């Protein structure tokens, strides 16, 4: 099943009289269950492509279809509603709420989705166990290492059972050991749950785990290979 389909997508940013073409006619299909890395040098368009897949941005031209729904003409609120039930995000800087514990950070999306206390507790504990963070459930982010924070971020991204997780440079702020641990956990979750993962990265630690590598350069896909 297709979870994302982009057809002849361009994205042009305009600041004053200066135009920058971040994407220049990209077509890409992501199937359910993929573990895919978008790779390329800085300025290649990989983060822009990830943002379009995540409905955080809209193309200048072309079509973006997420889980069968055309997103190109959706307004900001409609795109937010689509993201809420479909897409989870893992960011380079973790983006945890500093005043909340690990448990509460994972619980937050479930609160926003109206789940009952019993439903929230069961789901949060399942996910903290899956990322090996049960013993740190009552720790705030400033009491956790970078690797532990990123594991909590992965659990939070999975809390609403999204069809797809998007990760922008998920290991950029982690040392080698923690980067390997986080990637191993995400690969295990992909294998066990079938959740689709798409990464934007230039980190060889991420690329080696990917089942598919999509290489961008100057806003174009120049290679698409199985790993």
N, C-alpha and C. Protein backbone atom coordinates (compact mmCIF):
# COMPACT_ATOMS: atom_id res chain seq x y z
N UNK A 1 0.83 -1.19 0.00
CA UNK A 1 0.00 0.00 0.00
C UNK A 1 0.88 1.25 0.00
N UNK A 2 0.50 2.24 -0.78
CA UNK A 2 1.23 3.50 -0.84
C UNK A 2 0.88 4.38 0.36
N UNK A 3 1.87 4.82 1.10
CA UNK A 3 1.60 5.77 2.18
C UNK A 3 1.91 7.20 1.75
N UNK A 4 2.74 7.35 0.73
CA UNK A 4 3.04 8.69 0.20
C UNK A 4 3.36 8.58 -1.28
N UNK A 5 2.80 9.51 -2.05
CA UNK A 5 3.09 9.54 -3.49
C UNK A 5 3.22 11.00 -3.92
N UNK A 6 4.40 11.35 -4.39
CA UNK A 6 4.67 12.69 -4.88
C UNK A 6 4.89 12.62 -6.39
N UNK A 7 4.24 13.51 -7.12
CA UNK A 7 4.30 13.49 -8.57
C UNK A 7 4.74 14.85 -9.11
N UNK A 8 5.91 14.87 -9.76
CA UNK A 8 6.45 16.06 -10.42
C UNK A 8 6.41 17.29 -9.50
N UNK A 9 6.92 17.11 -8.29
CA UNK A 9 6.84 18.15 -7.27
C UNK A 9 8.00 19.14 -7.40
N UNK A 10 7.68 20.42 -7.37
CA UNK A 10 8.69 21.46 -7.26
C UNK A 10 8.43 22.27 -5.99
N UNK A 11 9.49 22.84 -5.46
CA UNK A 11 9.34 23.77 -4.33
C UNK A 11 10.33 24.91 -4.54
N UNK A 12 9.76 26.10 -4.70
CA UNK A 12 10.56 27.29 -4.92
C UNK A 12 10.36 28.24 -3.75
N UNK A 13 11.45 28.66 -3.12
CA UNK A 13 11.39 29.65 -2.04
C UNK A 13 11.80 31.00 -2.62
N UNK A 14 11.04 32.03 -2.29
CA UNK A 14 11.34 33.36 -2.80
C UNK A 14 11.54 34.33 -1.65
N UNK A 15 12.70 34.94 -1.61
CA UNK A 15 13.00 35.97 -0.61
C UNK A 15 13.37 37.23 -1.39
N UNK A 16 12.48 38.22 -1.36
CA UNK A 16 12.68 39.41 -2.17
C UNK A 16 12.64 39.03 -3.64
N UNK A 17 13.70 39.37 -4.35
CA UNK A 17 13.77 39.04 -5.78
C UNK A 17 14.52 37.74 -6.04
N UNK A 18 14.99 37.10 -4.97
CA UNK A 18 15.81 35.90 -5.13
C UNK A 18 14.95 34.64 -5.00
N UNK A 19 15.01 33.78 -6.01
CA UNK A 19 14.30 32.50 -5.98
C UNK A 19 15.29 31.36 -5.81
N UNK A 20 14.94 30.43 -4.93
CA UNK A 20 15.75 29.22 -4.75
C UNK A 20 14.88 28.01 -5.01
N UNK A 21 15.30 27.18 -5.95
CA UNK A 21 14.55 25.96 -6.28
C UNK A 21 15.08 24.80 -5.43
N UNK A 22 14.35 24.48 -4.37
CA UNK A 22 14.78 23.39 -3.49
C UNK A 22 14.49 22.03 -4.09
N UNK A 23 13.37 21.91 -4.80
CA UNK A 23 13.02 20.68 -5.52
C UNK A 23 12.62 21.05 -6.94
N UNK A 24 13.01 20.19 -7.87
CA UNK A 24 12.86 20.57 -9.27
C UNK A 24 12.24 19.44 -10.09
N UNK A 25 11.01 19.05 -9.73
CA UNK A 25 10.31 18.00 -10.48
C UNK A 25 10.58 16.61 -9.95
N UNK A 26 10.31 16.40 -8.67
CA UNK A 26 10.58 15.13 -8.00
C UNK A 26 9.33 14.26 -7.97
N UNK A 27 9.48 13.01 -8.35
CA UNK A 27 8.42 12.02 -8.22
C UNK A 27 8.93 10.86 -7.36
N UNK A 28 8.14 10.48 -6.35
CA UNK A 28 8.59 9.46 -5.40
C UNK A 28 7.38 8.79 -4.78
N UNK A 29 7.45 7.47 -4.66
CA UNK A 29 6.40 6.71 -3.97
C UNK A 29 7.02 5.96 -2.79
N UNK A 30 6.39 6.08 -1.62
CA UNK A 30 6.82 5.36 -0.42
C UNK A 30 5.74 4.33 -0.10
N UNK A 31 6.14 3.07 -0.02
CA UNK A 31 5.21 1.99 0.28
C UNK A 31 5.19 1.71 1.78
N UNK A 32 4.08 1.15 2.23
CA UNK A 32 3.94 0.78 3.63
C UNK A 32 5.05 -0.19 4.05
N UNK A 33 5.65 0.08 5.21
CA UNK A 33 6.67 -0.81 5.76
C UNK A 33 8.09 -0.48 5.35
N UNK A 34 8.28 0.55 4.53
CA UNK A 34 9.63 0.90 4.10
C UNK A 34 10.47 1.45 5.26
N UNK A 35 11.78 1.31 5.11
CA UNK A 35 12.77 1.91 6.02
C UNK A 35 13.76 2.61 5.10
N UNK A 36 13.43 3.87 4.77
CA UNK A 36 14.06 4.56 3.64
C UNK A 36 14.84 5.78 4.11
N UNK A 37 16.03 5.96 3.54
CA UNK A 37 16.86 7.13 3.81
C UNK A 37 16.87 8.05 2.60
N UNK A 38 16.58 9.33 2.84
CA UNK A 38 16.77 10.38 1.83
C UNK A 38 18.12 10.99 2.09
N UNK A 39 19.04 10.87 1.15
CA UNK A 39 20.41 11.29 1.39
C UNK A 39 20.85 12.29 0.32
N UNK A 40 21.91 13.02 0.65
CA UNK A 40 22.45 14.00 -0.27
C UNK A 40 23.13 15.11 0.50
N UNK A 41 23.94 15.91 -0.17
CA UNK A 41 24.65 17.00 0.51
C UNK A 41 23.69 18.08 0.98
N UNK A 42 24.18 18.98 1.82
CA UNK A 42 23.38 20.12 2.26
C UNK A 42 22.90 20.89 1.03
N UNK A 43 21.62 21.26 1.03
CA UNK A 43 21.05 21.98 -0.10
C UNK A 43 20.56 21.10 -1.22
N UNK A 44 20.59 19.78 -1.03
CA UNK A 44 20.16 18.87 -2.09
C UNK A 44 18.64 18.77 -2.19
N UNK A 45 17.93 19.14 -1.12
CA UNK A 45 16.47 19.08 -1.14
C UNK A 45 15.87 18.01 -0.26
N UNK A 46 16.70 17.27 0.47
CA UNK A 46 16.16 16.13 1.22
C UNK A 46 15.25 16.57 2.37
N UNK A 47 15.60 17.62 3.08
CA UNK A 47 14.74 18.09 4.17
C UNK A 47 13.46 18.69 3.62
N UNK A 48 13.54 19.42 2.53
CA UNK A 48 12.33 19.95 1.90
C UNK A 48 11.40 18.83 1.49
N UNK A 49 11.95 17.78 0.91
CA UNK A 49 11.14 16.63 0.51
C UNK A 49 10.48 15.99 1.72
N UNK A 50 11.21 15.84 2.82
CA UNK A 50 10.65 15.27 4.03
C UNK A 50 9.51 16.14 4.56
N UNK A 51 9.67 17.45 4.51
CA UNK A 51 8.63 18.36 4.99
C UNK A 51 7.36 18.28 4.13
N UNK A 52 7.52 18.06 2.84
CA UNK A 52 6.35 17.91 1.98
C UNK A 52 5.63 16.59 2.28
N UNK A 53 6.39 15.52 2.49
CA UNK A 53 5.78 14.25 2.85
C UNK A 53 5.04 14.38 4.18
N UNK A 54 5.58 15.17 5.09
CA UNK A 54 4.98 15.36 6.41
C UNK A 54 3.90 16.42 6.46
N UNK A 55 3.54 16.99 5.32
CA UNK A 55 2.49 18.03 5.26
C UNK A 55 2.83 19.24 6.12
N UNK A 56 4.12 19.47 6.33
CA UNK A 56 4.57 20.67 7.03
C UNK A 56 4.75 21.84 6.06
N UNK A 57 4.77 21.52 4.78
CA UNK A 57 4.94 22.51 3.74
C UNK A 57 4.12 22.07 2.54
N UNK A 58 3.93 22.96 1.59
CA UNK A 58 3.19 22.64 0.38
C UNK A 58 4.06 22.88 -0.84
N UNK A 59 3.88 22.09 -1.89
CA UNK A 59 4.70 22.27 -3.09
C UNK A 59 4.30 23.52 -3.87
N UNK A 60 5.26 24.05 -4.60
CA UNK A 60 4.95 25.14 -5.52
C UNK A 60 4.13 24.62 -6.69
N UNK A 61 4.46 23.41 -7.12
CA UNK A 61 3.66 22.74 -8.15
C UNK A 61 3.81 21.24 -7.97
N UNK A 62 2.92 20.47 -8.62
CA UNK A 62 2.94 19.02 -8.48
C UNK A 62 1.93 18.54 -7.46
N UNK A 63 1.86 17.23 -7.25
CA UNK A 63 0.87 16.62 -6.37
C UNK A 63 1.55 15.86 -5.24
N UNK A 64 0.96 15.96 -4.03
CA UNK A 64 1.40 15.18 -2.88
C UNK A 64 0.17 14.45 -2.33
N UNK A 65 0.23 13.12 -2.32
CA UNK A 65 -0.87 12.30 -1.82
C UNK A 65 -0.36 11.48 -0.65
N UNK A 66 -1.02 11.61 0.51
CA UNK A 66 -0.62 10.90 1.72
C UNK A 66 -1.75 9.97 2.13
N UNK A 67 -1.44 8.69 2.23
CA UNK A 67 -2.42 7.63 2.55
C UNK A 67 -3.70 7.81 1.72
N UNK A 68 -3.52 8.07 0.43
CA UNK A 68 -4.64 8.17 -0.49
C UNK A 68 -5.33 9.51 -0.53
N UNK A 69 -4.90 10.47 0.27
CA UNK A 69 -5.57 11.77 0.34
C UNK A 69 -4.71 12.84 -0.32
N UNK A 70 -5.28 13.52 -1.29
CA UNK A 70 -4.61 14.65 -1.93
C UNK A 70 -4.45 15.78 -0.93
N UNK A 71 -3.21 16.22 -0.74
CA UNK A 71 -2.94 17.24 0.28
C UNK A 71 -2.65 18.62 -0.28
N UNK A 72 -2.50 18.71 -1.58
CA UNK A 72 -1.98 19.94 -2.18
C UNK A 72 -2.86 21.15 -1.87
N UNK A 73 -4.17 20.95 -1.82
CA UNK A 73 -5.08 22.08 -1.62
C UNK A 73 -5.65 22.17 -0.20
N UNK A 74 -5.09 21.38 0.72
CA UNK A 74 -5.57 21.44 2.10
C UNK A 74 -5.04 22.70 2.78
N UNK A 75 -5.86 23.28 3.66
CA UNK A 75 -5.37 24.42 4.43
C UNK A 75 -4.55 23.92 5.62
N UNK A 76 -4.02 24.85 6.40
CA UNK A 76 -3.11 24.48 7.49
C UNK A 76 -3.79 23.57 8.52
N UNK A 77 -5.03 23.88 8.88
CA UNK A 77 -5.73 23.07 9.88
C UNK A 77 -6.03 21.67 9.34
N UNK A 78 -6.40 21.59 8.07
CA UNK A 78 -6.68 20.29 7.47
C UNK A 78 -5.41 19.43 7.39
N UNK A 79 -4.29 20.07 7.09
CA UNK A 79 -3.03 19.32 7.06
C UNK A 79 -2.65 18.85 8.46
N UNK A 80 -2.91 19.68 9.47
CA UNK A 80 -2.62 19.29 10.85
C UNK A 80 -3.47 18.09 11.26
N UNK A 81 -4.73 18.08 10.87
CA UNK A 81 -5.61 16.95 11.18
C UNK A 81 -5.10 15.67 10.53
N UNK A 82 -4.63 15.79 9.29
CA UNK A 82 -4.10 14.62 8.59
C UNK A 82 -2.84 14.11 9.28
N UNK A 83 -1.96 15.01 9.66
CA UNK A 83 -0.73 14.60 10.36
C UNK A 83 -1.03 13.89 11.66
N UNK A 84 -2.02 14.39 12.40
CA UNK A 84 -2.29 13.91 13.76
C UNK A 84 -2.54 12.41 13.80
N UNK A 85 -3.23 11.88 12.82
CA UNK A 85 -3.54 10.46 12.85
C UNK A 85 -2.70 9.61 11.93
N UNK A 86 -1.77 10.23 11.20
CA UNK A 86 -1.08 9.50 10.14
C UNK A 86 0.43 9.51 10.27
N UNK A 87 0.99 10.62 10.78
CA UNK A 87 2.44 10.83 10.71
C UNK A 87 3.00 11.17 12.09
N UNK A 88 4.11 10.52 12.43
CA UNK A 88 4.86 10.88 13.62
C UNK A 88 6.20 11.46 13.23
N UNK A 89 6.76 12.32 14.08
CA UNK A 89 8.00 13.02 13.75
C UNK A 89 9.07 12.78 14.82
N UNK A 90 10.30 12.62 14.35
CA UNK A 90 11.48 12.56 15.22
C UNK A 90 12.43 13.62 14.71
N UNK A 91 12.83 14.55 15.60
CA UNK A 91 13.61 15.69 15.18
C UNK A 91 15.06 15.58 15.65
N UNK A 92 15.94 16.34 15.00
CA UNK A 92 17.36 16.35 15.32
C UNK A 92 17.63 16.75 16.77
N UNK A 93 16.85 17.73 17.28
CA UNK A 93 17.08 18.25 18.62
C UNK A 93 16.06 17.72 19.63
N UNK A 94 15.49 16.55 19.34
CA UNK A 94 14.62 15.79 20.25
C UNK A 94 13.25 16.43 20.45
N UNK A 95 13.19 17.75 20.71
CA UNK A 95 11.93 18.50 20.81
C UNK A 95 11.01 17.97 21.90
N UNK A 96 11.59 17.47 22.98
CA UNK A 96 10.79 17.07 24.13
C UNK A 96 10.39 18.31 24.93
N UNK A 97 9.26 18.21 25.64
CA UNK A 97 8.83 19.32 26.50
C UNK A 97 9.64 19.24 27.80
N UNK A 98 10.45 20.26 28.11
CA UNK A 98 11.43 20.13 29.20
C UNK A 98 10.84 19.96 30.58
N UNK A 99 9.61 20.44 30.80
CA UNK A 99 9.01 20.36 32.13
C UNK A 99 8.27 19.05 32.37
N UNK A 100 8.16 18.21 31.34
CA UNK A 100 7.44 16.94 31.46
C UNK A 100 8.41 15.77 31.58
N UNK A 101 7.98 14.74 32.27
CA UNK A 101 8.78 13.52 32.36
C UNK A 101 8.74 12.77 31.03
N UNK A 102 9.57 11.74 30.93
CA UNK A 102 9.55 10.89 29.75
C UNK A 102 8.15 10.31 29.53
N UNK A 103 7.55 9.82 30.60
CA UNK A 103 6.20 9.27 30.52
C UNK A 103 5.23 10.33 29.98
N UNK A 104 5.29 11.52 30.52
CA UNK A 104 4.33 12.57 30.14
C UNK A 104 4.57 13.05 28.72
N UNK A 105 5.82 13.06 28.26
CA UNK A 105 6.09 13.44 26.88
C UNK A 105 5.47 12.44 25.90
N UNK A 106 5.60 11.16 26.21
CA UNK A 106 5.00 10.14 25.34
C UNK A 106 3.48 10.17 25.41
N UNK A 107 2.97 10.52 26.59
CA UNK A 107 1.53 10.56 26.81
C UNK A 107 0.84 11.73 26.10
N UNK A 108 1.55 12.83 25.88
CA UNK A 108 0.94 14.05 25.39
C UNK A 108 0.10 13.88 24.11
N UNK A 109 0.62 13.23 23.06
CA UNK A 109 -0.22 13.06 21.87
C UNK A 109 -1.49 12.26 22.13
N UNK A 110 -1.44 11.33 23.08
CA UNK A 110 -2.63 10.54 23.42
C UNK A 110 -3.66 11.40 24.15
N UNK A 111 -3.19 12.32 24.99
CA UNK A 111 -4.09 13.27 25.64
C UNK A 111 -4.80 14.12 24.59
N UNK A 112 -4.03 14.61 23.62
CA UNK A 112 -4.60 15.46 22.57
C UNK A 112 -5.58 14.70 21.70
N UNK A 113 -5.41 13.38 21.62
CA UNK A 113 -6.32 12.55 20.82
C UNK A 113 -7.49 12.00 21.63
N UNK A 114 -7.60 12.41 22.91
CA UNK A 114 -8.77 12.06 23.70
C UNK A 114 -8.80 10.64 24.23
N UNK A 115 -7.64 9.99 24.37
CA UNK A 115 -7.62 8.64 24.91
C UNK A 115 -7.88 8.65 26.42
N UNK A 116 -8.47 7.58 26.93
CA UNK A 116 -8.78 7.49 28.35
C UNK A 116 -7.50 7.27 29.15
N UNK A 117 -7.52 7.54 30.47
CA UNK A 117 -6.33 7.30 31.29
C UNK A 117 -5.80 5.87 31.18
N UNK A 118 -6.70 4.90 31.17
CA UNK A 118 -6.27 3.51 31.07
C UNK A 118 -5.61 3.22 29.72
N UNK A 119 -6.21 3.75 28.66
CA UNK A 119 -5.63 3.57 27.33
C UNK A 119 -4.26 4.23 27.24
N UNK A 120 -4.15 5.42 27.82
CA UNK A 120 -2.88 6.14 27.78
C UNK A 120 -1.80 5.38 28.53
N UNK A 121 -2.12 4.92 29.72
CA UNK A 121 -1.12 4.23 30.53
C UNK A 121 -0.61 2.97 29.83
N UNK A 122 -1.52 2.19 29.28
CA UNK A 122 -1.11 0.96 28.60
C UNK A 122 -0.21 1.25 27.41
N UNK A 123 -0.58 2.24 26.60
CA UNK A 123 0.19 2.55 25.40
C UNK A 123 1.56 3.14 25.76
N UNK A 124 1.59 4.04 26.73
CA UNK A 124 2.85 4.67 27.11
C UNK A 124 3.83 3.63 27.64
N UNK A 125 3.36 2.74 28.51
CA UNK A 125 4.25 1.75 29.09
C UNK A 125 4.73 0.76 28.03
N UNK A 126 3.87 0.41 27.10
CA UNK A 126 4.28 -0.46 25.99
C UNK A 126 5.44 0.18 25.21
N UNK A 127 5.31 1.45 24.92
CA UNK A 127 6.30 2.12 24.10
C UNK A 127 7.60 2.39 24.86
N UNK A 128 7.50 2.79 26.12
CA UNK A 128 8.72 2.97 26.90
C UNK A 128 9.49 1.66 27.04
N UNK A 129 8.77 0.57 27.16
CA UNK A 129 9.41 -0.75 27.21
C UNK A 129 10.07 -1.06 25.86
N UNK A 130 9.40 -0.71 24.77
CA UNK A 130 9.92 -1.00 23.43
C UNK A 130 11.23 -0.27 23.16
N UNK A 131 11.39 0.93 23.74
CA UNK A 131 12.63 1.69 23.53
C UNK A 131 13.57 1.61 24.74
N UNK A 132 13.28 0.67 25.63
CA UNK A 132 14.13 0.39 26.79
C UNK A 132 14.30 1.62 27.69
N UNK A 133 13.16 2.28 27.97
CA UNK A 133 13.20 3.48 28.81
C UNK A 133 12.24 3.40 29.99
N UNK A 134 11.74 2.23 30.32
CA UNK A 134 10.79 2.08 31.42
C UNK A 134 11.38 2.57 32.74
N UNK A 135 12.64 2.28 32.98
CA UNK A 135 13.27 2.66 34.25
C UNK A 135 13.51 4.16 34.36
N UNK A 136 13.35 4.88 33.25
CA UNK A 136 13.55 6.33 33.25
C UNK A 136 12.24 7.08 33.01
N UNK A 137 11.13 6.44 33.24
CA UNK A 137 9.84 7.03 32.87
C UNK A 137 9.54 8.32 33.62
N UNK A 138 10.10 8.49 34.82
CA UNK A 138 9.80 9.68 35.63
C UNK A 138 10.92 10.72 35.56
N UNK A 139 11.85 10.55 34.64
CA UNK A 139 12.93 11.51 34.47
C UNK A 139 12.53 12.58 33.46
N UNK A 140 12.89 13.82 33.75
CA UNK A 140 12.71 14.91 32.80
C UNK A 140 13.84 14.89 31.76
N UNK A 141 13.67 15.56 30.63
CA UNK A 141 14.72 15.55 29.60
C UNK A 141 16.10 15.96 30.10
N UNK A 142 16.16 16.93 31.04
CA UNK A 142 17.48 17.36 31.51
C UNK A 142 18.15 16.33 32.42
N UNK A 143 17.43 15.27 32.72
CA UNK A 143 17.99 14.17 33.51
C UNK A 143 18.34 12.96 32.64
N UNK A 144 18.23 13.14 31.32
CA UNK A 144 18.47 12.06 30.38
C UNK A 144 19.62 12.42 29.44
N UNK A 145 20.33 11.41 28.97
CA UNK A 145 21.36 11.63 27.95
C UNK A 145 20.69 11.93 26.61
N UNK A 146 21.50 12.38 25.65
CA UNK A 146 20.95 12.64 24.32
C UNK A 146 20.32 11.40 23.71
N UNK A 147 20.99 10.26 23.84
CA UNK A 147 20.44 9.02 23.29
C UNK A 147 19.13 8.63 23.95
N UNK A 148 19.05 8.82 25.26
CA UNK A 148 17.81 8.51 25.97
C UNK A 148 16.69 9.45 25.55
N UNK A 149 17.01 10.73 25.38
CA UNK A 149 15.99 11.67 24.92
C UNK A 149 15.47 11.29 23.54
N UNK A 150 16.37 10.86 22.67
CA UNK A 150 15.92 10.50 21.33
C UNK A 150 15.07 9.23 21.36
N UNK A 151 15.35 8.32 22.27
CA UNK A 151 14.50 7.13 22.41
C UNK A 151 13.10 7.52 22.86
N UNK A 152 13.02 8.47 23.80
CA UNK A 152 11.71 8.97 24.24
C UNK A 152 11.00 9.64 23.07
N UNK A 153 11.75 10.37 22.26
CA UNK A 153 11.15 11.03 21.09
C UNK A 153 10.59 10.00 20.10
N UNK A 154 11.29 8.89 19.93
CA UNK A 154 10.80 7.82 19.06
C UNK A 154 9.50 7.24 19.63
N UNK A 155 9.49 6.99 20.94
CA UNK A 155 8.27 6.46 21.57
C UNK A 155 7.11 7.43 21.41
N UNK A 156 7.37 8.71 21.60
CA UNK A 156 6.31 9.72 21.43
C UNK A 156 5.79 9.72 20.00
N UNK A 157 6.69 9.62 19.03
CA UNK A 157 6.27 9.62 17.62
C UNK A 157 5.37 8.43 17.30
N UNK A 158 5.59 7.33 18.01
CA UNK A 158 4.81 6.11 17.76
C UNK A 158 3.53 6.03 18.57
N UNK A 159 3.31 6.97 19.48
CA UNK A 159 2.25 6.82 20.48
C UNK A 159 0.86 6.69 19.86
N UNK A 160 0.59 7.40 18.79
CA UNK A 160 -0.75 7.36 18.18
C UNK A 160 -0.86 6.32 17.07
N UNK A 161 0.12 5.42 17.00
CA UNK A 161 0.15 4.36 15.97
C UNK A 161 0.06 4.93 14.56
N UNK A 162 0.96 5.88 14.22
CA UNK A 162 0.91 6.46 12.88
C UNK A 162 1.32 5.45 11.82
N UNK A 163 0.94 5.73 10.60
CA UNK A 163 1.33 4.86 9.50
C UNK A 163 2.78 5.11 9.10
N UNK A 164 3.29 6.30 9.43
CA UNK A 164 4.62 6.67 8.95
C UNK A 164 5.32 7.56 9.97
N UNK A 165 6.62 7.28 10.18
CA UNK A 165 7.48 8.11 11.02
C UNK A 165 8.48 8.83 10.11
N UNK A 166 8.57 10.14 10.26
CA UNK A 166 9.55 10.93 9.51
C UNK A 166 10.60 11.45 10.49
N UNK A 167 11.87 11.26 10.14
CA UNK A 167 12.97 11.63 11.02
C UNK A 167 13.98 12.49 10.27
N UNK A 168 14.21 13.70 10.78
CA UNK A 168 15.15 14.63 10.15
C UNK A 168 16.46 14.62 10.93
N UNK A 169 17.49 14.04 10.34
CA UNK A 169 18.82 13.93 10.97
C UNK A 169 18.71 13.41 12.41
N UNK A 170 18.13 12.22 12.61
CA UNK A 170 17.84 11.75 13.98
C UNK A 170 19.06 11.44 14.82
N UNK A 171 20.23 11.27 14.20
CA UNK A 171 21.43 10.93 14.97
C UNK A 171 22.46 12.06 15.00
N UNK A 172 22.10 13.22 14.46
CA UNK A 172 23.09 14.30 14.28
C UNK A 172 23.69 14.76 15.60
N UNK A 173 22.93 14.70 16.69
CA UNK A 173 23.43 15.18 17.98
C UNK A 173 23.77 14.04 18.93
N UNK A 174 24.00 12.86 18.38
CA UNK A 174 24.31 11.70 19.21
C UNK A 174 25.71 11.18 18.90
N UNK A 175 26.38 10.66 19.93
CA UNK A 175 27.67 10.03 19.68
C UNK A 175 27.45 8.69 18.99
N UNK A 176 28.54 8.03 18.64
CA UNK A 176 28.45 6.82 17.83
C UNK A 176 27.62 5.74 18.50
N UNK A 177 27.89 5.49 19.78
CA UNK A 177 27.18 4.42 20.49
C UNK A 177 25.68 4.71 20.58
N UNK A 178 25.32 5.93 20.97
CA UNK A 178 23.91 6.27 21.09
C UNK A 178 23.21 6.29 19.73
N UNK A 179 23.93 6.76 18.72
CA UNK A 179 23.35 6.75 17.38
C UNK A 179 23.03 5.33 16.92
N UNK A 180 23.95 4.42 17.17
CA UNK A 180 23.72 3.02 16.80
C UNK A 180 22.53 2.44 17.57
N UNK A 181 22.43 2.76 18.86
CA UNK A 181 21.34 2.23 19.67
C UNK A 181 19.99 2.74 19.17
N UNK A 182 19.91 4.04 18.88
CA UNK A 182 18.64 4.61 18.41
C UNK A 182 18.25 4.01 17.07
N UNK A 183 19.21 3.87 16.16
CA UNK A 183 18.88 3.28 14.85
C UNK A 183 18.47 1.81 15.00
N UNK A 184 19.14 1.09 15.89
CA UNK A 184 18.77 -0.30 16.11
C UNK A 184 17.36 -0.44 16.64
N UNK A 185 16.97 0.45 17.54
CA UNK A 185 15.61 0.43 18.08
C UNK A 185 14.58 0.73 16.99
N UNK A 186 14.86 1.75 16.17
CA UNK A 186 13.90 2.09 15.12
C UNK A 186 13.78 0.98 14.09
N UNK A 187 14.91 0.34 13.75
CA UNK A 187 14.87 -0.77 12.80
C UNK A 187 14.06 -1.93 13.39
N UNK A 188 14.25 -2.21 14.67
CA UNK A 188 13.50 -3.28 15.33
C UNK A 188 12.00 -2.98 15.32
N UNK A 189 11.63 -1.72 15.60
CA UNK A 189 10.22 -1.34 15.58
C UNK A 189 9.64 -1.45 14.17
N UNK A 190 10.42 -1.08 13.18
CA UNK A 190 9.98 -1.23 11.79
C UNK A 190 9.72 -2.69 11.45
N UNK A 191 10.64 -3.56 11.86
CA UNK A 191 10.48 -4.99 11.58
C UNK A 191 9.28 -5.58 12.31
N UNK A 192 9.07 -5.16 13.55
CA UNK A 192 8.04 -5.79 14.39
C UNK A 192 6.64 -5.22 14.16
N UNK A 193 6.55 -3.92 13.84
CA UNK A 193 5.23 -3.28 13.72
C UNK A 193 4.83 -2.96 12.28
N UNK A 194 5.81 -2.95 11.36
CA UNK A 194 5.51 -2.60 9.98
C UNK A 194 5.33 -1.11 9.75
N UNK A 195 5.61 -0.29 10.77
CA UNK A 195 5.51 1.15 10.61
C UNK A 195 6.55 1.63 9.60
N UNK A 196 6.14 2.50 8.70
CA UNK A 196 7.04 3.06 7.70
C UNK A 196 7.94 4.12 8.34
N UNK A 197 9.22 4.06 8.04
CA UNK A 197 10.17 5.08 8.50
C UNK A 197 10.85 5.71 7.30
N UNK A 198 10.90 7.06 7.28
CA UNK A 198 11.63 7.79 6.25
C UNK A 198 12.54 8.80 6.94
N UNK A 199 13.84 8.77 6.59
CA UNK A 199 14.84 9.63 7.22
C UNK A 199 15.42 10.59 6.19
N UNK A 200 15.70 11.80 6.63
CA UNK A 200 16.58 12.69 5.88
C UNK A 200 17.90 12.72 6.62
N UNK A 201 18.99 12.35 5.95
CA UNK A 201 20.25 12.19 6.67
C UNK A 201 21.45 12.24 5.74
N UNK A 202 22.60 12.53 6.32
CA UNK A 202 23.87 12.31 5.63
C UNK A 202 24.78 11.43 6.49
N UNK A 203 24.21 10.84 7.54
CA UNK A 203 24.97 10.05 8.51
C UNK A 203 25.10 8.60 8.04
N UNK A 204 26.33 8.11 7.83
CA UNK A 204 26.50 6.70 7.42
C UNK A 204 25.88 5.70 8.39
N UNK A 205 25.76 6.08 9.68
CA UNK A 205 25.14 5.19 10.68
C UNK A 205 23.67 4.95 10.36
N UNK A 206 23.01 5.94 9.81
CA UNK A 206 21.61 5.80 9.42
C UNK A 206 21.51 5.07 8.09
N UNK A 207 22.35 5.47 7.16
CA UNK A 207 22.26 4.94 5.80
C UNK A 207 22.47 3.43 5.79
N UNK A 208 23.36 2.92 6.65
CA UNK A 208 23.64 1.48 6.61
C UNK A 208 22.45 0.64 7.07
N UNK A 209 21.53 1.24 7.85
CA UNK A 209 20.35 0.53 8.30
C UNK A 209 19.23 0.55 7.27
N UNK A 210 19.27 1.49 6.34
CA UNK A 210 18.16 1.68 5.42
C UNK A 210 18.00 0.51 4.46
N UNK A 211 16.76 0.19 4.16
CA UNK A 211 16.47 -0.83 3.15
C UNK A 211 16.45 -0.21 1.75
N UNK A 212 16.21 1.10 1.69
CA UNK A 212 16.15 1.82 0.43
C UNK A 212 16.85 3.16 0.60
N UNK A 213 17.64 3.54 -0.38
CA UNK A 213 18.38 4.81 -0.31
C UNK A 213 18.00 5.65 -1.53
N UNK A 214 17.40 6.82 -1.25
CA UNK A 214 17.03 7.77 -2.30
C UNK A 214 18.00 8.94 -2.21
N UNK A 215 18.78 9.12 -3.26
CA UNK A 215 19.83 10.15 -3.26
C UNK A 215 19.37 11.37 -4.05
N UNK A 216 19.48 12.54 -3.39
CA UNK A 216 19.11 13.79 -4.04
C UNK A 216 20.35 14.66 -4.28
N UNK A 217 20.25 15.43 -5.36
CA UNK A 217 21.30 16.40 -5.67
C UNK A 217 20.68 17.53 -6.47
N UNK A 218 20.88 18.74 -6.02
CA UNK A 218 20.35 19.93 -6.71
C UNK A 218 18.85 19.84 -6.96
N UNK A 219 18.11 19.32 -5.97
CA UNK A 219 16.66 19.27 -6.06
C UNK A 219 16.10 18.18 -6.93
N UNK A 220 16.93 17.22 -7.31
CA UNK A 220 16.49 16.10 -8.16
C UNK A 220 16.90 14.77 -7.52
N UNK A 221 16.12 13.73 -7.77
CA UNK A 221 16.50 12.38 -7.37
C UNK A 221 17.46 11.85 -8.43
N UNK A 222 18.69 11.54 -8.00
CA UNK A 222 19.69 11.07 -8.96
C UNK A 222 19.97 9.56 -8.82
N UNK A 223 19.47 8.96 -7.74
CA UNK A 223 19.62 7.51 -7.56
C UNK A 223 18.56 7.02 -6.58
N UNK A 224 18.09 5.80 -6.81
CA UNK A 224 17.09 5.16 -5.94
C UNK A 224 17.42 3.68 -5.90
N UNK A 225 18.03 3.25 -4.80
CA UNK A 225 18.58 1.90 -4.75
C UNK A 225 18.12 1.15 -3.51
N UNK A 226 18.10 -0.17 -3.62
CA UNK A 226 17.86 -1.04 -2.47
C UNK A 226 19.20 -1.26 -1.76
N UNK A 227 19.12 -1.41 -0.45
CA UNK A 227 20.34 -1.57 0.34
C UNK A 227 20.43 -2.99 0.87
